[in-house]
Amino acid sequence: MLSSTATVWLLASYTLAKIVQHNKNLRPTLLKPYNKLIAPIAGRRHSPYARLEHVGRRSGRTYATPVGAFPYGDGFVVGLSYGADVDWCRNVIAAGHAAVKWRGQTFSLERPEIIPMSAAVLQAIPPYFRLPARELKQFVWLHRPSV
């Protein structure tokens, strides 16, 4: 069960996503401060958020972005709350790999692909994230490295 603080954060995330989906001009204004608040807890053992580590496609700089990531198949799915044109998604697609820190563990992942929402993806998402996730149209599926 989630604490009341986590529930409030999830509801705030949902509301923010809805606002930004309808007005892309608000992304920088609203998402930068929000991400700064979420970043310190993303990827921690009891956090509902994961931390996506990726390399900038032009700068080569390493970035860490708080995301909703969930185990799925042979890797993880990451919800595209704001669409596939966000920088972190374009960086991951361009690089072909990323790392997800989820519940205190870091997973090296590769072969990103954009997939549509499906019943199988929705089942992979924990119940406390399903309501906002139902509105997502796409996810990035990152696979564990082939042996």
C-alpha atoms as a PDB file:
ATOM      1  CA  MET A   1       0.000   0.000   0.000  1.00  0.00           C
ATOM      2  CA  LEU A   2       1.257   3.471  -0.837  1.00  0.00           C
ATOM      3  CA  SER A   3       1.696   6.127   1.789  1.00  0.00           C
ATOM      4  CA  SER A   4      -0.477   9.217   1.623  1.00  0.00           C
ATOM      5  CA  THR A   5       2.533  11.261   0.459  1.00  0.00           C
ATOM      6  CA  ALA A   6       3.145   8.906  -2.460  1.00  0.00           C
ATOM      7  CA  THR A   7      -0.539   8.996  -3.355  1.00  0.00           C
ATOM      8  CA  VAL A   8      -0.494  12.794  -3.438  1.00  0.00           C
ATOM      9  CA  TRP A   9       2.608  12.728  -5.687  1.00  0.00           C
ATOM     10  CA  LEU A  10       0.960  10.265  -8.059  1.00  0.00           C
ATOM     11  CA  LEU A  11      -2.156  12.418  -8.312  1.00  0.00           C
ATOM     12  CA  ALA A  12      -0.001  15.506  -8.880  1.00  0.00           C
ATOM     13  CA  SER A  13       1.896  13.618 -11.595  1.00  0.00           C
ATOM     14  CA  TYR A  14      -1.344  12.657 -13.284  1.00  0.00           C
ATOM     15  CA  THR A  15      -2.657  16.231 -13.198  1.00  0.00           C
ATOM     16  CA  LEU A  16       0.611  17.644 -14.509  1.00  0.00           C
ATOM     17  CA  ALA A  17       0.684  15.105 -17.345  1.00  0.00           C
ATOM     18  CA  LYS A  18      -2.841  16.062 -18.396  1.00  0.00           C
ATOM     19  CA  ILE A  19      -1.968  19.779 -18.466  1.00  0.00           C
ATOM     20  CA  VAL A  20       1.261  19.292 -20.410  1.00  0.00           C
ATOM     21  CA  GLN A  21      -0.311  16.871 -22.906  1.00  0.00           C
ATOM     22  CA  HIS A  22      -2.715  19.603 -23.959  1.00  0.00           C
ATOM     23  CA  ASN A  23      -0.209  22.482 -23.988  1.00  0.00           C
ATOM     24  CA  LYS A  24       3.339  21.548 -25.022  1.00  0.00           C
ATOM     25  CA  ASN A  25       4.507  25.139 -24.458  1.00  0.00           C
ATOM     26  CA  LEU A  26       4.103  24.571 -20.720  1.00  0.00           C
ATOM     27  CA  ARG A  27       6.545  21.621 -20.644  1.00  0.00           C
ATOM     28  CA  PRO A  28       9.692  23.559 -19.701  1.00  0.00           C
ATOM     29  CA  THR A  29       7.867  25.737 -17.186  1.00  0.00           C
ATOM     30  CA  LEU A  30       6.129  22.895 -15.362  1.00  0.00           C
ATOM     31  CA  LEU A  31       8.321  19.830 -15.856  1.00  0.00           C
ATOM     32  CA  LYS A  32      11.731  21.163 -14.844  1.00  0.00           C
ATOM     33  CA  PRO A  33      10.693  22.091 -11.281  1.00  0.00           C
ATOM     34  CA  TYR A  34       8.586  18.936 -10.991  1.00  0.00           C
ATOM     35  CA  ASN A  35      11.475  16.713 -12.101  1.00  0.00           C
ATOM     36  CA  LYS A  36      13.788  18.426  -9.600  1.00  0.00           C
ATOM     37  CA  LEU A  37      11.357  17.506  -6.818  1.00  0.00           C
ATOM     38  CA  ILE A  38      10.978  13.883  -7.958  1.00  0.00           C
ATOM     39  CA  ALA A  39      14.630  13.240  -8.913  1.00  0.00           C
ATOM     40  CA  PRO A  40      15.946  12.673  -5.365  1.00  0.00           C
ATOM     41  CA  ILE A  41      13.513   9.804  -4.735  1.00  0.00           C
ATOM     42  CA  ALA A  42      13.428   8.286  -8.232  1.00  0.00           C
ATOM     43  CA  GLY A  43      14.996   4.835  -8.363  1.00  0.00           C
ATOM     44  CA  ARG A  44      15.094   4.346  -4.611  1.00  0.00           C
ATOM     45  CA  ARG A  45      13.973   1.104  -3.040  1.00  0.00           C
ATOM     46  CA  HIS A  46      10.474   2.219  -2.006  1.00  0.00           C
ATOM     47  CA  SER A  47       9.886   4.879  -4.653  1.00  0.00           C
ATOM     48  CA  PRO A  48       7.036   4.599  -7.162  1.00  0.00           C
ATOM     49  CA  TYR A  49       9.321   6.355  -9.691  1.00  0.00           C
ATOM     50  CA  ALA A  50      12.292   4.979 -11.595  1.00  0.00           C
ATOM     51  CA  ARG A  51      15.404   6.848 -12.730  1.00  0.00           C
ATOM     52  CA  LEU A  52      16.265   6.622 -16.423  1.00  0.00           C
ATOM     53  CA  GLU A  53      19.934   7.252 -17.200  1.00  0.00           C
ATOM     54  CA  HIS A  54      20.598   8.138 -20.836  1.00  0.00           C
ATOM     55  CA  VAL A  55      23.128   9.936 -23.042  1.00  0.00           C
ATOM     56  CA  GLY A  56      22.308  13.110 -24.951  1.00  0.00           C
ATOM     57  CA  ARG A  57      22.186  12.488 -28.682  1.00  0.00           C
ATOM     58  CA  ARG A  58      23.964  15.776 -29.507  1.00  0.00           C
ATOM     59  CA  SER A  59      25.866  16.660 -26.335  1.00  0.00           C
ATOM     60  CA  GLY A  60      27.052  13.203 -25.287  1.00  0.00           C
ATOM     61  CA  ARG A  61      26.239  14.267 -21.713  1.00  0.00           C
ATOM     62  CA  THR A  62      24.721  11.760 -19.278  1.00  0.00           C
ATOM     63  CA  TYR A  63      21.248  12.643 -18.015  1.00  0.00           C
ATOM     64  CA  ALA A  64      19.020  11.182 -15.307  1.00  0.00           C
ATOM     65  CA  THR A  65      15.267  11.571 -15.743  1.00  0.00           C
ATOM     66  CA  PRO A  66      12.558  10.451 -13.304  1.00  0.00           C
ATOM     67  CA  VAL A  67      10.033   8.231 -15.094  1.00  0.00           C
ATOM     68  CA  GLY A  68       7.336   5.644 -14.526  1.00  0.00           C
ATOM     69  CA  ALA A  69       9.051   2.359 -15.481  1.00  0.00           C
ATOM     70  CA  PHE A  70       7.769  -1.158 -14.872  1.00  0.00           C
ATOM     71  CA  PRO A  71       9.129  -4.680 -15.485  1.00  0.00           C
ATOM     72  CA  TYR A  72       7.693  -6.087 -18.689  1.00  0.00           C
ATOM     73  CA  GLY A  73       8.738  -9.122 -20.702  1.00  0.00           C
ATOM     74  CA  ASP A  74      12.525  -9.237 -20.895  1.00  0.00           C
ATOM     75  CA  GLY A  75      13.011  -5.664 -19.683  1.00  0.00           C
ATOM     76  CA  PHE A  76      11.035  -2.584 -18.720  1.00  0.00           C
ATOM     77  CA  VAL A  77       8.365  -0.360 -20.217  1.00  0.00           C
ATOM     78  CA  VAL A  78       8.461   3.389 -19.663  1.00  0.00           C
ATOM     79  CA  GLY A  79       5.298   5.397 -20.165  1.00  0.00           C
ATOM     80  CA  LEU A  80       5.378   8.189 -22.726  1.00  0.00           C
ATOM     81  CA  SER A  81       3.203  10.577 -20.732  1.00  0.00           C
ATOM     82  CA  TYR A  82       4.114  13.542 -22.941  1.00  0.00           C
ATOM     83  CA  GLY A  83       4.591  11.717 -26.254  1.00  0.00           C
ATOM     84  CA  ALA A  84       7.590  10.281 -28.083  1.00  0.00           C
ATOM     85  CA  ASP A  85       9.037  13.699 -28.938  1.00  0.00           C
ATOM     86  CA  VAL A  86      10.450  14.320 -25.440  1.00  0.00           C
ATOM     87  CA  ASP A  87      14.233  14.591 -25.229  1.00  0.00           C
ATOM     88  CA  TRP A  88      14.810  11.529 -23.048  1.00  0.00           C
ATOM     89  CA  CYS A  89      12.906   9.299 -25.491  1.00  0.00           C
ATOM     90  CA  ARG A  90      14.735  10.669 -28.527  1.00  0.00           C
ATOM     91  CA  ASN A  91      18.055  10.233 -26.687  1.00  0.00           C
ATOM     92  CA  VAL A  92      17.323   6.603 -25.789  1.00  0.00           C
ATOM     93  CA  ILE A  93      16.170   5.742 -29.315  1.00  0.00           C
ATOM     94  CA  ALA A  94      19.261   7.417 -30.833  1.00  0.00           C
ATOM     95  CA  ALA A  95      21.715   5.727 -28.435  1.00  0.00           C
ATOM     96  CA  GLY A  96      20.020   2.327 -28.551  1.00  0.00           C
ATOM     97  CA  HIS A  97      20.547   1.791 -24.821  1.00  0.00           C
ATOM     98  CA  ALA A  98      19.892   3.238 -21.367  1.00  0.00           C
ATOM     99  CA  ALA A  99      19.917   2.238 -17.718  1.00  0.00           C
ATOM    100  CA  VAL A 100      16.915   2.124 -15.403  1.00  0.00           C
ATOM    101  CA  LYS A 101      17.365   2.370 -11.671  1.00  0.00           C
ATOM    102  CA  TRP A 102      14.260   0.754 -10.205  1.00  0.00           C
ATOM    103  CA  ARG A 103      13.663  -0.062  -6.542  1.00  0.00           C
ATOM    104  CA  GLY A 104      17.327   0.430  -5.699  1.00  0.00           C
ATOM    105  CA  GLN A 105      18.731  -1.750  -8.503  1.00  0.00           C
ATOM    106  CA  THR A 106      20.231  -0.588 -11.795  1.00  0.00           C
ATOM    107  CA  PHE A 107      19.417  -2.447 -15.005  1.00  0.00           C
ATOM    108  CA  SER A 108      21.371  -1.961 -18.237  1.00  0.00           C
ATOM    109  CA  LEU A 109      18.900  -2.078 -21.112  1.00  0.00           C
ATOM    110  CA  GLU A 110      19.073  -1.921 -24.896  1.00  0.00           C
ATOM    111  CA  ARG A 111      17.035  -2.216 -28.103  1.00  0.00           C
ATOM    112  CA  PRO A 112      14.414   0.440 -27.298  1.00  0.00           C
ATOM    113  CA  GLU A 113      11.184   0.249 -29.229  1.00  0.00           C
ATOM    114  CA  ILE A 114       8.008   2.265 -29.065  1.00  0.00           C
ATOM    115  CA  ILE A 115       4.994   0.053 -28.452  1.00  0.00           C
ATOM    116  CA  PRO A 116       1.285   0.844 -28.125  1.00  0.00           C
ATOM    117  CA  MET A 117      -0.762   0.439 -24.973  1.00  0.00           C
ATOM    118  CA  SER A 118      -2.123  -3.081 -24.671  1.00  0.00           C
ATOM    119  CA  ALA A 119      -3.821  -5.262 -22.079  1.00  0.00           C
ATOM    120  CA  ALA A 120      -0.483  -7.013 -21.443  1.00  0.00           C
ATOM    121  CA  VAL A 121       1.317  -3.716 -20.784  1.00  0.00           C
ATOM    122  CA  LEU A 122      -1.472  -2.540 -18.480  1.00  0.00           C
ATOM    123  CA  GLN A 123      -1.188  -5.793 -16.476  1.00  0.00           C
ATOM    124  CA  ALA A 124       2.541  -5.119 -15.952  1.00  0.00           C
ATOM    125  CA  ILE A 125       1.758  -1.800 -14.274  1.00  0.00           C
ATOM    126  CA  PRO A 126       1.081  -1.856 -10.517  1.00  0.00           C
ATOM    127  CA  PRO A 127      -2.511  -1.108  -9.509  1.00  0.00           C
ATOM    128  CA  TYR A 128      -1.636   2.298  -8.016  1.00  0.00           C
ATOM    129  CA  PHE A 129      -0.324   3.465 -11.432  1.00  0.00           C
ATOM    130  CA  ARG A 130      -3.012   1.888 -13.623  1.00  0.00           C
ATOM    131  CA  LEU A 131      -5.528   4.728 -13.570  1.00  0.00           C
ATOM    132  CA  PRO A 132      -3.142   7.317 -15.008  1.00  0.00           C
ATOM    133  CA  ALA A 133      -1.488   4.690 -17.231  1.00  0.00           C
ATOM    134  CA  ARG A 134      -4.795   3.848 -18.945  1.00  0.00           C
ATOM    135  CA  GLU A 135      -4.600   7.182 -20.728  1.00  0.00           C
ATOM    136  CA  LEU A 136      -1.138   6.560 -22.188  1.00  0.00           C
ATOM    137  CA  LYS A 137      -1.044   5.640 -25.838  1.00  0.00           C
ATOM    138  CA  GLN A 138       2.600   4.574 -26.100  1.00  0.00           C
ATOM    139  CA  PHE A 139       5.508   3.179 -24.116  1.00  0.00           C
ATOM    140  CA  VAL A 140       9.199   2.652 -24.703  1.00  0.00           C
ATOM    141  CA  TRP A 141      10.093  -1.000 -24.200  1.00  0.00           C
ATOM    142  CA  LEU A 142      13.740  -1.488 -23.261  1.00  0.00           C
ATOM    143  CA  HIS A 143      15.103  -5.030 -23.323  1.00  0.00           C
ATOM    144  CA  ARG A 144      17.768  -6.656 -21.194  1.00  0.00           C
ATOM    145  CA  PRO A 145      20.942  -7.423 -23.160  1.00  0.00           C
ATOM    146  CA  SER A 146      20.987 -10.638 -25.157  1.00  0.00           C
ATOM    147  CA  VAL A 147      23.401 -13.246 -23.853  1.00  0.00           C
END
